[in-house]
Structures are given as structure tokens and as C-alpha cells.
């Protein structure tokens, strides 16, 4: 099933490039970060379709991905949650999954919550 995109691809690619090339990411406009996060989460859902893992990057977006048992109600059993800067560093390959988890920057639960096979995004 194709991912229903809410972020135009051109806008997402541009926001991600602005984020990558920024020398001081703390000064980036919130709208740029939000677009980059939403676009990269949509890319993850495209690369790893499914509904068994919920990836959350509050306050910007959440997506369900990865094949397996579908979650429908209550708290999902497979959850990944992180902040925008960590997510974008993971998505672009600037940060490895195991480093992010070890530092506590990523909180994950469930047997399918390891995103190593899908990161960095192409």
C-alpha cells in the first residue's frame, strides 16, 4: 500500500537539505524542521511499509511502519520515540541507531522497534 503523503516531495527534500547544510541547526525555522521531520517519516513508511511499529517525533509527526501484526487500539507494543534533531541525524546517517539508543536519545520498546535495517534513509 502506498504511503499517503502530506508533505510535497520537493518541499521535503528542500527542508532536509537546508537542515543538513545548516551550520547552526538550533537557529533553523520551526517550519523547516517540521517539514524535514514529516517528509523523512513519510520516507521511512515508504521504505518499510506496514503498521506494526509507531515512530514518534513529537511535536511534529508520527508514522506507522514495518510489516508485522497491525496495531489498532491503545498503546502500541512497538514504539520508537525521539526528538527532531536526533531523528533527522538518524535519517541522514549522521548518527547510528545503537549510539542514539545508548545515549538515551531514542526510546524504543518492542521486538520490531529496531530501525537499523531502514536507516539512514536513501
PDB file of N, CA and C in Angstrom:
ATOM      1  N   UNK A   1       0.837  -1.174   0.000  1.00  0.00           N
ATOM      2  CA  UNK A   1       0.000   0.000   0.000  1.00  0.00           C
ATOM      3  C   UNK A   1       0.886   1.243   0.000  1.00  0.00           C
ATOM      4  N   UNK A   2       0.610   2.162  -0.879  1.00  0.00           N
ATOM      5  CA  UNK A   2       1.398   3.388  -0.992  1.00  0.00           C
ATOM      6  C   UNK A   2       1.133   4.310   0.197  1.00  0.00           C
ATOM      7  N   UNK A   3       2.156   5.014   0.581  1.00  0.00           N
ATOM      8  CA  UNK A   3       2.059   5.959   1.684  1.00  0.00           C
ATOM      9  C   UNK A   3       1.290   7.185   1.214  1.00  0.00           C
ATOM     10  N   UNK A   4       0.358   7.622   2.025  1.00  0.00           N
ATOM     11  CA  UNK A   4      -0.366   8.850   1.702  1.00  0.00           C
ATOM     12  C   UNK A   4       0.480  10.020   2.182  1.00  0.00           C
ATOM     13  N   UNK A   5       1.044  10.728   1.228  1.00  0.00           N
ATOM     14  CA  UNK A   5       1.932  11.842   1.558  1.00  0.00           C
ATOM     15  C   UNK A   5       1.145  13.094   1.894  1.00  0.00           C
ATOM     16  N   UNK A   6       1.594  13.743   2.945  1.00  0.00           N
ATOM     17  CA  UNK A   6       1.039  15.040   3.312  1.00  0.00           C
ATOM     18  C   UNK A   6       2.037  16.145   3.014  1.00  0.00           C
ATOM     19  N   UNK A   7       3.296  15.752   2.873  1.00  0.00           N
ATOM     20  CA  UNK A   7       4.368  16.707   2.598  1.00  0.00           C
ATOM     21  C   UNK A   7       4.755  16.591   1.130  1.00  0.00           C
ATOM     22  N   UNK A   8       4.656  17.666   0.383  1.00  0.00           N
ATOM     23  CA  UNK A   8       5.116  17.604  -1.009  1.00  0.00           C
ATOM     24  C   UNK A   8       6.591  17.196  -1.060  1.00  0.00           C
ATOM     25  N   UNK A   9       6.920  16.298  -1.957  1.00  0.00           N
ATOM     26  CA  UNK A   9       8.281  15.758  -2.024  1.00  0.00           C
ATOM     27  C   UNK A   9       9.314  16.872  -2.198  1.00  0.00           C
ATOM     28  N   UNK A  10       9.064  17.798  -3.102  1.00  0.00           N
ATOM     29  CA  UNK A  10      10.032  18.875  -3.346  1.00  0.00           C
ATOM     30  C   UNK A  10      10.273  19.701  -2.080  1.00  0.00           C
ATOM     31  N   UNK A  11       9.214  20.000  -1.341  1.00  0.00           N
ATOM     32  CA  UNK A  11       9.354  20.774  -0.104  1.00  0.00           C
ATOM     33  C   UNK A  11      10.120  19.969   0.949  1.00  0.00           C
ATOM     34  N   UNK A  12       9.853  18.674   1.021  1.00  0.00           N
ATOM     35  CA  UNK A  12      10.546  17.823   1.980  1.00  0.00           C
ATOM     36  C   UNK A  12      12.022  17.690   1.685  1.00  0.00           C
ATOM     37  N   UNK A  13      12.349  17.475   0.421  1.00  0.00           N
ATOM     38  CA  UNK A  13      13.758  17.362   0.020  1.00  0.00           C
ATOM     39  C   UNK A  13      14.483  18.662   0.321  1.00  0.00           C
ATOM     40  N   UNK A  14      13.848  19.780   0.007  1.00  0.00           N
ATOM     41  CA  UNK A  14      14.464  21.087   0.264  1.00  0.00           C
ATOM     42  C   UNK A  14      14.687  21.314   1.765  1.00  0.00           C
ATOM     43  N   UNK A  15      13.691  20.998   2.576  1.00  0.00           N
ATOM     44  CA  UNK A  15      13.827  21.189   4.038  1.00  0.00           C
ATOM     45  C   UNK A  15      14.929  20.304   4.600  1.00  0.00           C
ATOM     46  N   UNK A  16      15.008  19.077   4.132  1.00  0.00           N
ATOM     47  CA  UNK A  16      16.049  18.169   4.605  1.00  0.00           C
ATOM     48  C   UNK A  16      17.436  18.672   4.197  1.00  0.00           C
ATOM     49  N   UNK A  17      17.543  19.213   3.002  1.00  0.00           N
ATOM     50  CA  UNK A  17      18.827  19.760   2.542  1.00  0.00           C
ATOM     51  C   UNK A  17      19.214  21.003   3.348  1.00  0.00           C
ATOM     52  N   UNK A  18      18.243  21.856   3.649  1.00  0.00           N
ATOM     53  CA  UNK A  18      18.518  23.029   4.490  1.00  0.00           C
ATOM     54  C   UNK A  18      18.993  22.566   5.857  1.00  0.00           C
ATOM     55  N   UNK A  19      18.344  21.566   6.421  1.00  0.00           N
ATOM     56  CA  UNK A  19      18.749  21.043   7.725  1.00  0.00           C
ATOM     57  C   UNK A  19      20.169  20.486   7.670  1.00  0.00           C
ATOM     58  N   UNK A  20      20.454  19.691   6.642  1.00  0.00           N
ATOM     59  CA  UNK A  20      21.795  19.087   6.507  1.00  0.00           C
ATOM     60  C   UNK A  20      22.893  20.129   6.391  1.00  0.00           C
ATOM     61  N   UNK A  21      22.624  21.185   5.639  1.00  0.00           N
ATOM     62  CA  UNK A  21      23.677  22.156   5.330  1.00  0.00           C
ATOM     63  C   UNK A  21      23.790  23.293   6.346  1.00  0.00           C
ATOM     64  N   UNK A  22      22.908  23.329   7.308  1.00  0.00           N
ATOM     65  CA  UNK A  22      22.922  24.416   8.280  1.00  0.00           C
ATOM     66  C   UNK A  22      24.065  24.251   9.288  1.00  0.00           C
ATOM     67  N   UNK A  23      24.893  25.283   9.444  1.00  0.00           N
ATOM     68  CA  UNK A  23      25.977  25.206  10.426  1.00  0.00           C
ATOM     69  C   UNK A  23      25.465  25.311  11.868  1.00  0.00           C
ATOM     70  N   UNK A  24      24.323  25.976  12.054  1.00  0.00           N
ATOM     71  CA  UNK A  24      23.734  26.102  13.393  1.00  0.00           C
ATOM     72  C   UNK A  24      22.265  25.722  13.312  1.00  0.00           C
ATOM     73  N   UNK A  25      21.987  24.462  13.521  1.00  0.00           N
ATOM     74  CA  UNK A  25      20.630  23.934  13.364  1.00  0.00           C
ATOM     75  C   UNK A  25      19.663  24.459  14.410  1.00  0.00           C
ATOM     76  N   UNK A  26      20.179  24.951  15.504  1.00  0.00           N
ATOM     77  CA  UNK A  26      19.297  25.490  16.539  1.00  0.00           C
ATOM     78  C   UNK A  26      18.619  26.783  16.086  1.00  0.00           C
ATOM     79  N   UNK A  27      19.138  27.402  15.042  1.00  0.00           N
ATOM     80  CA  UNK A  27      18.570  28.653  14.537  1.00  0.00           C
ATOM     81  C   UNK A  27      17.597  28.444  13.374  1.00  0.00           C
ATOM     82  N   UNK A  28      17.398  27.209  12.963  1.00  0.00           N
ATOM     83  CA  UNK A  28      16.503  26.944  11.840  1.00  0.00           C
ATOM     84  C   UNK A  28      15.057  27.246  12.216  1.00  0.00           C
ATOM     85  N   UNK A  29      14.306  27.697  11.226  1.00  0.00           N
ATOM     86  CA  UNK A  29      12.887  27.955  11.446  1.00  0.00           C
ATOM     87  C   UNK A  29      12.176  26.655  11.800  1.00  0.00           C
ATOM     88  N   UNK A  30      11.251  26.751  12.711  1.00  0.00           N
ATOM     89  CA  UNK A  30      10.472  25.577  13.128  1.00  0.00           C
ATOM     90  C   UNK A  30       9.792  24.912  11.935  1.00  0.00           C
ATOM     91  N   UNK A  31       9.338  25.703  10.985  1.00  0.00           N
ATOM     92  CA  UNK A  31       8.650  25.143   9.816  1.00  0.00           C
ATOM     93  C   UNK A  31       9.595  24.280   8.970  1.00  0.00           C
ATOM     94  N   UNK A  32      10.864  24.649   8.894  1.00  0.00           N
ATOM     95  CA  UNK A  32      11.847  23.855   8.146  1.00  0.00           C
ATOM     96  C   UNK A  32      12.058  22.512   8.835  1.00  0.00           C
ATOM     97  N   UNK A  33      12.241  22.545  10.142  1.00  0.00           N
ATOM     98  CA  UNK A  33      12.443  21.308  10.906  1.00  0.00           C
ATOM     99  C   UNK A  33      11.204  20.422  10.803  1.00  0.00           C
ATOM    100  N   UNK A  34      10.033  21.008  10.957  1.00  0.00           N
ATOM    101  CA  UNK A  34       8.784  20.240  10.878  1.00  0.00           C
ATOM    102  C   UNK A  34       8.632  19.570   9.517  1.00  0.00           C
ATOM    103  N   UNK A  35       8.907  20.291   8.469  1.00  0.00           N
ATOM    104  CA  UNK A  35       8.796  19.724   7.126  1.00  0.00           C
ATOM    105  C   UNK A  35       9.808  18.611   6.914  1.00  0.00           C
ATOM    106  N   UNK A  36      11.034  18.815   7.370  1.00  0.00           N
ATOM    107  CA  UNK A  36      12.071  17.782   7.226  1.00  0.00           C
ATOM    108  C   UNK A  36      11.691  16.520   7.996  1.00  0.00           C
ATOM    109  N   UNK A  37      11.174  16.674   9.200  1.00  0.00           N
ATOM    110  CA  UNK A  37      10.761  15.520  10.013  1.00  0.00           C
ATOM    111  C   UNK A  37       9.603  14.794   9.349  1.00  0.00           C
ATOM    112  N   UNK A  38       8.586  15.522   8.965  1.00  0.00           N
ATOM    113  CA  UNK A  38       7.409  14.884   8.352  1.00  0.00           C
ATOM    114  C   UNK A  38       7.780  14.155   7.065  1.00  0.00           C
ATOM    115  N   UNK A  39       8.570  14.801   6.239  1.00  0.00           N
ATOM    116  CA  UNK A  39       8.985  14.180   4.982  1.00  0.00           C
ATOM    117  C   UNK A  39       9.804  12.917   5.239  1.00  0.00           C
ATOM    118  N   UNK A  40      10.758  12.980   6.159  1.00  0.00           N
ATOM    119  CA  UNK A  40      11.610  11.810   6.401  1.00  0.00           C
ATOM    120  C   UNK A  40      10.823  10.664   7.040  1.00  0.00           C
ATOM    121  N   UNK A  41       9.841  10.964   7.868  1.00  0.00           N
ATOM    122  CA  UNK A  41       8.985   9.907   8.402  1.00  0.00           C
ATOM    123  C   UNK A  41       8.144   9.271   7.301  1.00  0.00           C
ATOM    124  N   UNK A  42       7.664  10.082   6.379  1.00  0.00           N
ATOM    125  CA  UNK A  42       6.928   9.534   5.231  1.00  0.00           C
ATOM    126  C   UNK A  42       7.834   8.654   4.377  1.00  0.00           C
ATOM    127  N   UNK A  43       9.090   9.042   4.250  1.00  0.00           N
ATOM    128  CA  UNK A  43      10.057   8.226   3.517  1.00  0.00           C
ATOM    129  C   UNK A  43      10.275   6.888   4.232  1.00  0.00           C
ATOM    130  N   UNK A  44      10.371   6.910   5.551  1.00  0.00           N
ATOM    131  CA  UNK A  44      10.513   5.674   6.311  1.00  0.00           C
ATOM    132  C   UNK A  44       9.330   4.749   6.058  1.00  0.00           C
ATOM    133  N   UNK A  45       8.126   5.304   6.083  1.00  0.00           N
ATOM    134  CA  UNK A  45       6.934   4.496   5.842  1.00  0.00           C
ATOM    135  C   UNK A  45       6.919   3.933   4.421  1.00  0.00           C
ATOM    136  N   UNK A  46       7.520   4.634   3.500  1.00  0.00           N
ATOM    137  CA  UNK A  46       7.624   4.159   2.114  1.00  0.00           C
ATOM    138  C   UNK A  46       8.624   3.007   2.019  1.00  0.00           C
ATOM    139  N   UNK A  47       9.755   3.136   2.702  1.00  0.00           N
ATOM    140  CA  UNK A  47      10.823   2.127   2.674  1.00  0.00           C
ATOM    141  C   UNK A  47      10.433   0.886   3.468  1.00  0.00           C
ATOM    142  N   UNK A  48       9.714   1.085   4.558  1.00  0.00           N
ATOM    143  CA  UNK A  48       9.342  -0.014   5.448  1.00  0.00           C
ATOM    144  C   UNK A  48       7.827  -0.003   5.673  1.00  0.00           C
ATOM    145  N   UNK A  49       7.061  -0.362   4.651  1.00  0.00           N
ATOM    146  CA  UNK A  49       5.602  -0.300   4.790  1.00  0.00           C
ATOM    147  C   UNK A  49       5.086  -1.306   5.820  1.00  0.00           C
ATOM    148  N   UNK A  50       4.034  -0.946   6.453  1.00  0.00           N
ATOM    149  CA  UNK A  50       3.403  -1.802   7.451  1.00  0.00           C
ATOM    150  C   UNK A  50       2.813  -0.957   8.560  1.00  0.00           C
ATOM    151  N   UNK A  51       2.330  -1.627   9.600  1.00  0.00           N
ATOM    152  CA  UNK A  51       1.685  -0.903  10.700  1.00  0.00           C
ATOM    153  C   UNK A  51       2.021  -1.506  12.058  1.00  0.00           C
ATOM    154  N   UNK A  52       3.175  -2.161  12.171  1.00  0.00           N
ATOM    155  CA  UNK A  52       3.483  -2.813  13.444  1.00  0.00           C
ATOM    156  C   UNK A  52       4.330  -1.957  14.386  1.00  0.00           C
ATOM    157  N   UNK A  53       4.956  -0.909  13.869  1.00  0.00           N
ATOM    158  CA  UNK A  53       5.796  -0.038  14.695  1.00  0.00           C
ATOM    159  C   UNK A  53       5.320   1.403  14.522  1.00  0.00           C
ATOM    160  N   UNK A  54       5.223   2.103  15.629  1.00  0.00           N
ATOM    161  CA  UNK A  54       4.884   3.518  15.574  1.00  0.00           C
ATOM    162  C   UNK A  54       6.134   4.319  15.898  1.00  0.00           C
ATOM    163  N   UNK A  55       6.522   5.205  14.993  1.00  0.00           N
ATOM    164  CA  UNK A  55       7.680   6.068  15.199  1.00  0.00           C
ATOM    165  C   UNK A  55       7.147   7.472  15.474  1.00  0.00           C
ATOM    166  N   UNK A  56       7.509   8.009  16.623  1.00  0.00           N
ATOM    167  CA  UNK A  56       7.006   9.317  17.068  1.00  0.00           C
ATOM    168  C   UNK A  56       8.151  10.314  17.179  1.00  0.00           C
ATOM    169  N   UNK A  57       7.933  11.487  16.618  1.00  0.00           N
ATOM    170  CA  UNK A  57       8.872  12.599  16.752  1.00  0.00           C
ATOM    171  C   UNK A  57       8.033  13.815  17.168  1.00  0.00           C
ATOM    172  N   UNK A  58       7.705  13.875  18.465  1.00  0.00           N
ATOM    173  CA  UNK A  58       6.865  14.977  18.927  1.00  0.00           C
ATOM    174  C   UNK A  58       7.621  16.298  18.891  1.00  0.00           C
ATOM    175  N   UNK A  59       6.961  17.373  18.636  1.00  0.00           N
ATOM    176  CA  UNK A  59       5.530  17.530  18.399  1.00  0.00           C
ATOM    177  C   UNK A  59       5.164  17.487  16.918  1.00  0.00           C
ATOM    178  N   UNK A  60       6.077  17.027  16.083  1.00  0.00           N
ATOM    179  CA  UNK A  60       5.903  17.180  14.641  1.00  0.00           C
ATOM    180  C   UNK A  60       5.088  16.102  13.950  1.00  0.00           C
ATOM    181  N   UNK A  61       5.340  14.836  14.235  1.00  0.00           N
ATOM    182  CA  UNK A  61       4.644  13.792  13.481  1.00  0.00           C
ATOM    183  C   UNK A  61       4.866  12.424  14.105  1.00  0.00           C
ATOM    184  N   UNK A  62       4.065  11.489  13.648  1.00  0.00           N
ATOM    185  CA  UNK A  62       4.223  10.075  13.977  1.00  0.00           C
ATOM    186  C   UNK A  62       3.801   9.291  12.741  1.00  0.00           C
ATOM    187  N   UNK A  63       4.379   8.112  12.591  1.00  0.00           N
ATOM    188  CA  UNK A  63       4.058   7.272  11.442  1.00  0.00           C
ATOM    189  C   UNK A  63       4.078   5.816  11.890  1.00  0.00           C
ATOM    190  N   UNK A  64       3.266   5.009  11.243  1.00  0.00           N
ATOM    191  CA  UNK A  64       3.313   3.574  11.460  1.00  0.00           C
ATOM    192  C   UNK A  64       4.031   2.944  10.281  1.00  0.00           C
ATOM    193  N   UNK A  65       4.859   1.946  10.569  1.00  0.00           N
ATOM    194  CA  UNK A  65       5.654   1.319   9.524  1.00  0.00           C
ATOM    195  C   UNK A  65       6.015  -0.110   9.925  1.00  0.00           C
ATOM    196  N   UNK A  66       6.722  -0.794   9.104  1.00  0.00           N
ATOM    197  CA  UNK A  66       7.279  -2.129   9.268  1.00  0.00           C
ATOM    198  C   UNK A  66       6.182  -3.207   9.312  1.00  0.00           C
ATOM    199  N   UNK A  67       6.388  -4.207   8.477  1.00  0.00           N
ATOM    200  CA  UNK A  67       5.472  -5.337   8.392  1.00  0.00           C
ATOM    201  C   UNK A  67       5.375  -6.062   9.721  1.00  0.00           C
ATOM    202  N   UNK A  68       4.233  -6.639   9.975  1.00  0.00           N
ATOM    203  CA  UNK A  68       4.010  -7.412  11.188  1.00  0.00           C
ATOM    204  C   UNK A  68       2.589  -7.234  11.649  1.00  0.00           C
ATOM    205  N   UNK A  69       2.295  -7.702  12.844  1.00  0.00           N
ATOM    206  CA  UNK A  69       0.936  -7.566  13.348  1.00  0.00           C
ATOM    207  C   UNK A  69       0.531  -6.102  13.431  1.00  0.00           C
ATOM    208  N   UNK A  70      -0.637  -5.812  12.934  1.00  0.00           N
ATOM    209  CA  UNK A  70      -1.128  -4.442  12.907  1.00  0.00           C
ATOM    210  C   UNK A  70      -1.631  -4.024  14.279  1.00  0.00           C
ATOM    211  N   UNK A  71      -1.272  -2.817  14.662  1.00  0.00           N
ATOM    212  CA  UNK A  71      -1.743  -2.258  15.923  1.00  0.00           C
ATOM    213  C   UNK A  71      -2.980  -1.415  15.641  1.00  0.00           C
ATOM    214  N   UNK A  72      -4.037  -1.580  16.449  1.00  0.00           N
ATOM    215  CA  UNK A  72      -5.252  -0.815  16.186  1.00  0.00           C
ATOM    216  C   UNK A  72      -5.736   0.047  17.340  1.00  0.00           C
ATOM    217  N   UNK A  73      -5.539  -0.378  18.602  1.00  0.00           N
ATOM    218  CA  UNK A  73      -6.066   0.411  19.714  1.00  0.00           C
ATOM    219  C   UNK A  73      -5.109   0.405  20.899  1.00  0.00           C
ATOM    220  N   UNK A  74      -5.195   1.468  21.691  1.00  0.00           N
ATOM    221  CA  UNK A  74      -4.359   1.556  22.883  1.00  0.00           C
ATOM    222  C   UNK A  74      -2.912   1.873  22.553  1.00  0.00           C
ATOM    223  N   UNK A  75      -2.050   1.644  23.511  1.00  0.00           N
ATOM    224  CA  UNK A  75      -0.627   1.910  23.324  1.00  0.00           C
ATOM    225  C   UNK A  75      -0.009   0.797  22.487  1.00  0.00           C
ATOM    226  N   UNK A  76       0.676   1.149  21.394  1.00  0.00           N
ATOM    227  CA  UNK A  76       1.306   0.116  20.562  1.00  0.00           C
ATOM    228  C   UNK A  76       2.393  -0.637  21.335  1.00  0.00           C
ATOM    229  N   UNK A  77       2.617  -1.887  20.970  1.00  0.00           N
ATOM    230  CA  UNK A  77       3.670  -2.663  21.628  1.00  0.00           C
ATOM    231  C   UNK A  77       5.045  -2.329  21.084  1.00  0.00           C
ATOM    232  N   UNK A  78       5.130  -1.832  19.855  1.00  0.00           N
ATOM    233  CA  UNK A  78       6.401  -1.468  19.231  1.00  0.00           C
ATOM    234  C   UNK A  78       6.405   0.035  18.973  1.00  0.00           C
ATOM    235  N   UNK A  79       7.173   0.759  19.774  1.00  0.00           N
ATOM    236  CA  UNK A  79       7.190   2.217  19.689  1.00  0.00           C
ATOM    237  C   UNK A  79       8.626   2.713  19.680  1.00  0.00           C
ATOM    238  N   UNK A  80       8.870   3.711  18.844  1.00  0.00           N
ATOM    239  CA  UNK A  80      10.142   4.428  18.832  1.00  0.00           C
ATOM    240  C   UNK A  80       9.792   5.902  19.021  1.00  0.00           C
ATOM    241  N   UNK A  81      10.468   6.565  19.940  1.00  0.00           N
ATOM    242  CA  UNK A  81      10.221   7.989  20.158  1.00  0.00           C
ATOM    243  C   UNK A  81      11.546   8.712  20.336  1.00  0.00           C
ATOM    244  N   UNK A  82      11.655   9.869  19.688  1.00  0.00           N
ATOM    245  CA  UNK A  82      12.859  10.682  19.794  1.00  0.00           C
ATOM    246  C   UNK A  82      12.522  12.126  19.455  1.00  0.00           C
ATOM    247  N   UNK A  83      13.485  12.999  19.639  1.00  0.00           N
ATOM    248  CA  UNK A  83      13.307  14.410  19.298  1.00  0.00           C
ATOM    249  C   UNK A  83      13.670  14.633  17.830  1.00  0.00           C
ATOM    250  N   UNK A  84      13.340  15.799  17.317  1.00  0.00           N
ATOM    251  CA  UNK A  84      13.543  16.104  15.897  1.00  0.00           C
ATOM    252  C   UNK A  84      15.010  16.048  15.478  1.00  0.00           C
ATOM    253  N   UNK A  85      15.899  16.624  16.259  1.00  0.00           N
ATOM    254  CA  UNK A  85      17.317  16.648  15.885  1.00  0.00           C
ATOM    255  C   UNK A  85      17.889  15.237  15.817  1.00  0.00           C
ATOM    256  N   UNK A  86      17.546  14.409  16.781  1.00  0.00           N
ATOM    257  CA  UNK A  86      18.033  13.031  16.770  1.00  0.00           C
ATOM    258  C   UNK A  86      17.455  12.273  15.589  1.00  0.00           C
ATOM    259  N   UNK A  87      16.161  12.431  15.348  1.00  0.00           N
ATOM    260  CA  UNK A  87      15.539  11.728  14.222  1.00  0.00           C
ATOM    261  C   UNK A  87      16.203  12.116  12.899  1.00  0.00           C
ATOM    262  N   UNK A  88      16.392  13.387  12.682  1.00  0.00           N
ATOM    263  CA  UNK A  88      16.986  13.828  11.419  1.00  0.00           C
ATOM    264  C   UNK A  88      18.433  13.355  11.293  1.00  0.00           C
ATOM    265  N   UNK A  89      19.163  13.320  12.397  1.00  0.00           N
ATOM    266  CA  UNK A  89      20.527  12.789  12.355  1.00  0.00           C
ATOM    267  C   UNK A  89      20.517  11.296  12.014  1.00  0.00           C
ATOM    268  N   UNK A  90      19.563  10.555  12.553  1.00  0.00           N
ATOM    269  CA  UNK A  90      19.425   9.137  12.212  1.00  0.00           C
ATOM    270  C   UNK A  90      19.033   8.962  10.748  1.00  0.00           C
ATOM    271  N   UNK A  91      18.062   9.732  10.314  1.00  0.00           N
ATOM    272  CA  UNK A  91      17.543   9.606   8.951  1.00  0.00           C
ATOM    273  C   UNK A  91      18.590   9.934   7.893  1.00  0.00           C
ATOM    274  N   UNK A  92      19.504  10.849   8.215  1.00  0.00           N
ATOM    275  CA  UNK A  92      20.519  11.267   7.256  1.00  0.00           C
ATOM    276  C   UNK A  92      21.837  10.518   7.402  1.00  0.00           C
ATOM    277  N   UNK A  93      21.936   9.670   8.421  1.00  0.00           N
ATOM    278  CA  UNK A  93      23.155   8.895   8.606  1.00  0.00           C
ATOM    279  C   UNK A  93      24.225   9.587   9.426  1.00  0.00           C
ATOM    280  N   UNK A  94      23.907  10.717  10.022  1.00  0.00           N
ATOM    281  CA  UNK A  94      24.877  11.405  10.873  1.00  0.00           C
ATOM    282  C   UNK A  94      25.020  10.741  12.232  1.00  0.00           C
ATOM    283  N   UNK A  95      24.056   9.922  12.599  1.00  0.00           N
ATOM    284  CA  UNK A  95      24.041   9.252  13.893  1.00  0.00           C
ATOM    285  C   UNK A  95      23.606   7.808  13.682  1.00  0.00           C
ATOM    286  N   UNK A  96      24.285   6.894  14.328  1.00  0.00           N
ATOM    287  CA  UNK A  96      23.932   5.475  14.225  1.00  0.00           C
ATOM    288  C   UNK A  96      22.875   5.128  15.267  1.00  0.00           C
ATOM    289  N   UNK A  97      22.027   4.169  14.924  1.00  0.00           N
ATOM    290  CA  UNK A  97      20.940   3.741  15.804  1.00  0.00           C
ATOM    291  C   UNK A  97      21.451   3.328  17.182  1.00  0.00           C
ATOM    292  N   UNK A  98      22.471   2.487  17.213  1.00  0.00           N
ATOM    293  CA  UNK A  98      22.967   1.989  18.502  1.00  0.00           C
ATOM    294  C   UNK A  98      23.525   3.119  19.373  1.00  0.00           C
ATOM    295  N   UNK A  99      24.146   4.119  18.772  1.00  0.00           N
ATOM    296  CA  UNK A  99      24.644   5.268  19.528  1.00  0.00           C
ATOM    297  C   UNK A  99      23.483   6.071  20.119  1.00  0.00           C
ATOM    298  N   UNK A 100      22.454   6.287  19.308  1.00  0.00           N
ATOM    299  CA  UNK A 100      21.296   7.055  19.768  1.00  0.00           C
ATOM    300  C   UNK A 100      20.583   6.336  20.904  1.00  0.00           C
ATOM    301  N   UNK A 101      20.453   5.028  20.784  1.00  0.00           N
ATOM    302  CA  UNK A 101      19.810   4.261  21.851  1.00  0.00           C
ATOM    303  C   UNK A 101      20.655   4.255  23.121  1.00  0.00           C
ATOM    304  N   UNK A 102      21.946   4.052  22.969  1.00  0.00           N
ATOM    305  CA  UNK A 102      22.842   4.004  24.130  1.00  0.00           C
ATOM    306  C   UNK A 102      22.860   5.326  24.895  1.00  0.00           C
ATOM    307  N   UNK A 103      22.742   6.424  24.173  1.00  0.00           N
ATOM    308  CA  UNK A 103      22.766   7.741  24.819  1.00  0.00           C
ATOM    309  C   UNK A 103      21.423   8.113  25.443  1.00  0.00           C
ATOM    310  N   UNK A 104      20.388   7.354  25.127  1.00  0.00           N
ATOM    311  CA  UNK A 104      19.061   7.673  25.640  1.00  0.00           C
ATOM    312  C   UNK A 104      18.303   8.648  24.764  1.00  0.00           C
ATOM    313  N   UNK A 105      18.888   9.044  23.635  1.00  0.00           N
ATOM    314  CA  UNK A 105      18.219   9.980  22.729  1.00  0.00           C
ATOM    315  C   UNK A 105      17.046   9.337  22.010  1.00  0.00           C
ATOM    316  N   UNK A 106      17.068   8.011  21.902  1.00  0.00           N
ATOM    317  CA  UNK A 106      15.970   7.248  21.315  1.00  0.00           C
ATOM    318  C   UNK A 106      15.430   6.328  22.395  1.00  0.00           C
ATOM    319  N   UNK A 107      14.124   6.350  22.539  1.00  0.00           N
ATOM    320  CA  UNK A 107      13.467   5.414  23.441  1.00  0.00           C
ATOM    321  C   UNK A 107      12.661   4.455  22.572  1.00  0.00           C
ATOM    322  N   UNK A 108      12.888   3.170  22.742  1.00  0.00           N
ATOM    323  CA  UNK A 108      12.172   2.194  21.925  1.00  0.00           C
ATOM    324  C   UNK A 108      11.719   1.027  22.773  1.00  0.00           C
ATOM    325  N   UNK A 109      10.622   0.424  22.337  1.00  0.00           N
ATOM    326  CA  UNK A 109      10.112  -0.760  23.028  1.00  0.00           C
ATOM    327  C   UNK A 109       9.504  -1.686  21.986  1.00  0.00           C
ATOM    328  N   UNK A 110       9.573  -2.961  22.256  1.00  0.00           N
ATOM    329  CA  UNK A 110       9.001  -3.951  21.353  1.00  0.00           C
ATOM    330  C   UNK A 110      10.064  -4.617  20.502  1.00  0.00           C
ATOM    331  N   UNK A 111       9.761  -5.822  20.056  1.00  0.00           N
ATOM    332  CA  UNK A 111      10.746  -6.615  19.311  1.00  0.00           C
ATOM    333  C   UNK A 111      10.982  -6.112  17.892  1.00  0.00           C
ATOM    334  N   UNK A 112      10.085  -5.307  17.354  1.00  0.00           N
ATOM    335  CA  UNK A 112      10.260  -4.789  15.999  1.00  0.00           C
ATOM    336  C   UNK A 112      10.744  -3.341  15.976  1.00  0.00           C
ATOM    337  N   UNK A 113      11.062  -2.776  17.117  1.00  0.00           N
ATOM    338  CA  UNK A 113      11.361  -1.347  17.220  1.00  0.00           C
ATOM    339  C   UNK A 113      12.799  -0.972  16.848  1.00  0.00           C
ATOM    340  N   UNK A 114      13.584  -1.877  16.359  1.00  0.00           N
ATOM    341  CA  UNK A 114      14.955  -1.559  15.918  1.00  0.00           C
ATOM    342  C   UNK A 114      14.905  -1.106  14.460  1.00  0.00           C
ATOM    343  N   UNK A 115      15.229   0.141  14.215  1.00  0.00           N
ATOM    344  CA  UNK A 115      15.143   0.697  12.856  1.00  0.00           C
ATOM    345  C   UNK A 115      16.455   0.600  12.076  1.00  0.00           C
ATOM    346  N   UNK A 116      17.442  -0.079  12.629  1.00  0.00           N
ATOM    347  CA  UNK A 116      18.744  -0.202  11.981  1.00  0.00           C
ATOM    348  C   UNK A 116      18.678  -0.610  10.514  1.00  0.00           C
ATOM    349  N   UNK A 117      17.853  -1.606  10.143  1.00  0.00           N
ATOM    350  CA  UNK A 117      17.826  -2.012   8.725  1.00  0.00           C
ATOM    351  C   UNK A 117      17.297  -0.933   7.762  1.00  0.00           C
ATOM    352  N   UNK A 118      16.628   0.084   8.291  1.00  0.00           N
ATOM    353  CA  UNK A 118      15.977   1.080   7.435  1.00  0.00           C
ATOM    354  C   UNK A 118      16.679   2.435   7.431  1.00  0.00           C
ATOM    355  N   UNK A 119      17.667   2.601   8.292  1.00  0.00           N
ATOM    356  CA  UNK A 119      18.356   3.885   8.420  1.00  0.00           C
ATOM    357  C   UNK A 119      19.825   3.740   8.041  1.00  0.00           C
ATOM    358  N   UNK A 120      20.432   4.743   7.456  1.00  0.00           N
ATOM    359  CA  UNK A 120      19.817   6.006   7.058  1.00  0.00           C
ATOM    360  C   UNK A 120      18.896   5.809   5.856  1.00  0.00           C
ATOM    361  N   UNK A 121      18.021   6.774   5.670  1.00  0.00           N
ATOM    362  CA  UNK A 121      17.101   6.736   4.540  1.00  0.00           C
ATOM    363  C   UNK A 121      17.865   7.093   3.269  1.00  0.00           C
ATOM    364  N   UNK A 122      17.486   6.484   2.189  1.00  0.00           N
ATOM    365  CA  UNK A 122      18.154   6.702   0.900  1.00  0.00           C
ATOM    366  C   UNK A 122      18.025   8.078   0.435  1.00  0.00           C
TER     367      UNK A 122
END
